């Protein structure tokens, strides 16, 4: 019997879990960041095409960020001041993660112009939206965590 292949989306989620510690998923809509300034990760005020929808238990499926309408090649911006924690590929998808003190923002799919350790300011370009690398077609998936808890990134701007 031939070996079973792991579907690409499951492989991506597994590798992303290896990259980021397993979180305790709790929705805290009032847990806005207290250290600003914060801004949208795209120019203007992008349209939200899928909202934050965390699962009741961390191992269950859910949407641990928001999807913002964007076109491939569109500039992706740092949502706040911080330091790049990761900029690379996870299961073939470009991912950027930025530490902002106790908070971490994530952006995908992104063709990064930054590297690990780079300091960024709110509004700095971190790369361009990659074509066809996301789970939602033409969109930027934007995430936010405090420690091991996922938060709604729309609480920032």
Protein backbone atom coordinates (compact mmCIF):
# COMPACT_ATOMS: atom_id res chain seq x y z
CA UNK A 1 0.00 0.00 0.00
CA UNK A 2 1.48 3.41 -0.95
CA UNK A 3 2.13 5.94 1.83
CA UNK A 4 -0.62 8.51 2.45
CA UNK A 5 0.08 12.12 1.46
CA UNK A 6 -0.78 14.88 3.89
CA UNK A 7 -3.02 17.52 2.26
CA UNK A 8 -1.19 20.86 1.80
CA UNK A 9 -3.56 22.88 4.07
CA UNK A 10 -3.01 20.44 6.94
CA UNK A 11 0.75 20.50 6.39
CA UNK A 12 0.66 24.32 6.43
CA UNK A 13 -1.27 24.39 9.74
CA UNK A 14 1.07 21.82 11.28
CA UNK A 15 4.17 23.80 10.29
CA UNK A 16 2.62 27.05 11.48
CA UNK A 17 1.93 25.39 14.85
CA UNK A 18 5.59 24.39 15.04
CA UNK A 19 6.63 27.96 14.30
CA UNK A 20 4.32 29.53 16.88
CA UNK A 21 3.70 28.05 20.34
CA UNK A 22 0.31 26.41 20.84
CA UNK A 23 -2.02 29.12 22.11
CA UNK A 24 -4.85 29.11 24.56
CA UNK A 25 -7.49 30.63 22.33
CA UNK A 26 -9.68 33.12 24.12
CA UNK A 27 -11.59 35.92 22.49
CA UNK A 28 -11.03 39.17 24.30
CA UNK A 29 -12.68 41.87 22.21
CA UNK A 30 -11.88 44.54 24.78
CA UNK A 31 -8.21 43.57 24.90
CA UNK A 32 -7.05 46.39 22.66
CA UNK A 33 -3.38 47.17 22.68
CA UNK A 34 -2.42 49.78 25.21
CA UNK A 35 0.82 50.75 23.48
CA UNK A 36 0.14 52.57 20.23
CA UNK A 37 0.16 54.05 17.76
CA UNK A 38 -1.51 51.41 15.64
CA UNK A 39 -2.61 51.46 12.02
CA UNK A 40 -4.10 49.23 9.35
CA UNK A 41 -1.63 46.83 7.67
CA UNK A 42 -2.82 48.03 4.24
CA UNK A 43 -3.26 51.52 2.82
CA UNK A 44 -6.49 53.27 3.83
CA UNK A 45 -9.14 51.31 5.72
CA UNK A 46 -9.42 47.91 4.01
CA UNK A 47 -12.65 45.94 3.76
CA UNK A 48 -12.89 43.02 6.20
CA UNK A 49 -13.96 39.95 4.25
CA UNK A 50 -13.79 37.49 7.16
CA UNK A 51 -13.90 38.44 10.82
CA UNK A 52 -12.10 37.03 13.85
CA UNK A 53 -13.90 33.83 14.88
CA UNK A 54 -11.83 31.84 17.40
CA UNK A 55 -12.83 28.32 18.38
CA UNK A 56 -14.04 27.55 21.91
CA UNK A 57 -11.06 25.20 22.40
CA UNK A 58 -7.55 25.78 21.04
CA UNK A 59 -7.45 22.51 19.09
CA UNK A 60 -10.74 23.11 17.26
CA UNK A 61 -11.01 24.82 13.86
CA UNK A 62 -11.64 28.54 13.83
CA UNK A 63 -10.45 31.79 12.32
CA UNK A 64 -7.69 33.22 14.50
CA UNK A 65 -7.33 36.52 12.68
CA UNK A 66 -9.11 38.65 10.10
CA UNK A 67 -8.98 38.61 6.31
CA UNK A 68 -8.64 42.00 4.64
CA UNK A 69 -9.43 42.53 0.94
CA UNK A 70 -6.24 43.25 -1.02
CA UNK A 71 -4.72 42.74 -4.43
CA UNK A 72 -1.57 40.71 -5.12
CA UNK A 73 1.43 43.02 -5.09
CA UNK A 74 -0.24 45.49 -2.72
CA UNK A 75 2.12 46.87 -0.08
CA UNK A 76 1.76 45.30 3.40
CA UNK A 77 2.55 47.61 6.32
CA UNK A 78 3.61 47.06 9.93
CA UNK A 79 0.59 47.70 12.15
CA UNK A 80 2.79 49.08 14.93
CA UNK A 81 6.35 49.68 16.06
CA UNK A 82 8.28 46.50 16.77
CA UNK A 83 10.90 43.97 15.75
CA UNK A 84 10.52 41.30 13.08
CA UNK A 85 10.41 37.91 14.83
CA UNK A 86 10.00 35.84 11.65
CA UNK A 87 10.03 36.50 7.93
CA UNK A 88 10.03 33.46 5.72
CA UNK A 89 8.01 30.65 4.24
CA UNK A 90 5.81 28.17 6.07
CA UNK A 91 4.58 25.32 3.87
CA UNK A 92 5.28 27.48 0.82
CA UNK A 93 3.43 30.56 2.11
CA UNK A 94 5.24 33.80 2.98
CA UNK A 95 4.70 34.81 6.61
CA UNK A 96 5.87 37.84 8.61
CA UNK A 97 5.55 38.04 12.39
CA UNK A 98 6.34 41.21 14.35
CA UNK A 99 6.83 41.52 18.12
CA UNK A 100 5.41 44.65 19.76
CA UNK A 101 6.30 44.18 23.42
CA UNK A 102 3.74 41.67 24.74
CA UNK A 103 1.90 41.60 21.42
CA UNK A 104 2.67 39.79 18.16
CA UNK A 105 1.09 40.58 14.80
CA UNK A 106 1.21 38.17 11.88
CA UNK A 107 0.71 38.77 8.16
CA UNK A 108 0.26 36.28 5.32
CA UNK A 109 0.75 35.61 2.44
CA UNK A 110 3.57 38.15 2.13
CA UNK A 111 6.66 38.36 -0.04
CA UNK A 112 8.78 39.90 2.72
CA UNK A 113 11.12 42.87 2.34
CA UNK A 114 12.22 42.51 5.97
CA UNK A 115 14.31 39.94 7.82
CA UNK A 116 14.34 38.59 11.35
CA UNK A 117 15.61 41.19 13.79
CA UNK A 118 14.72 44.25 11.68
CA UNK A 119 13.13 47.12 13.59
CA UNK A 120 9.97 48.50 12.03
CA UNK A 121 7.76 51.51 12.74
CA UNK A 122 3.99 51.66 12.31
CA UNK A 123 3.32 52.12 8.60
CA UNK A 124 6.69 50.80 7.38
CA UNK A 125 6.49 48.46 4.41
CA UNK A 126 7.23 44.84 5.34
CA UNK A 127 6.61 43.38 1.88
CA UNK A 128 3.95 42.83 -0.75
CA UNK A 129 0.86 40.64 -0.75
CA UNK A 130 1.84 37.39 -2.48
CA UNK A 131 -0.27 36.08 -5.34
CA UNK A 132 -2.30 32.95 -4.68
CA UNK A 133 -0.65 32.02 -1.38
CA UNK A 134 -3.50 32.65 1.02
CA UNK A 135 -6.48 30.67 2.22
CA UNK A 136 -8.89 33.37 1.06
CA UNK A 137 -7.76 34.20 -2.46
CA UNK A 138 -7.02 37.91 -2.78
CA UNK A 139 -6.67 38.91 0.86
CA UNK A 140 -4.25 39.57 3.69
CA UNK A 141 -4.70 37.35 6.74
CA UNK A 142 -3.79 39.52 9.76
CA UNK A 143 -3.43 38.03 13.23
CA UNK A 144 -2.77 39.27 16.77
CA UNK A 145 -1.66 37.50 19.94
CA UNK A 146 -0.81 38.52 23.47
CA UNK A 147 1.40 35.80 24.91
CA UNK A 148 -0.50 32.60 24.02
CA UNK A 149 -3.91 34.20 23.56
CA UNK A 150 -5.27 35.11 20.15
CA UNK A 151 -6.97 38.51 20.02
CA UNK A 152 -9.04 40.34 17.44
CA UNK A 153 -6.61 42.52 15.42
CA UNK A 154 -9.49 44.90 14.69
CA UNK A 155 -9.10 46.06 18.30
CA UNK A 156 -5.85 47.82 17.26
CA UNK A 157 -6.48 50.58 14.67
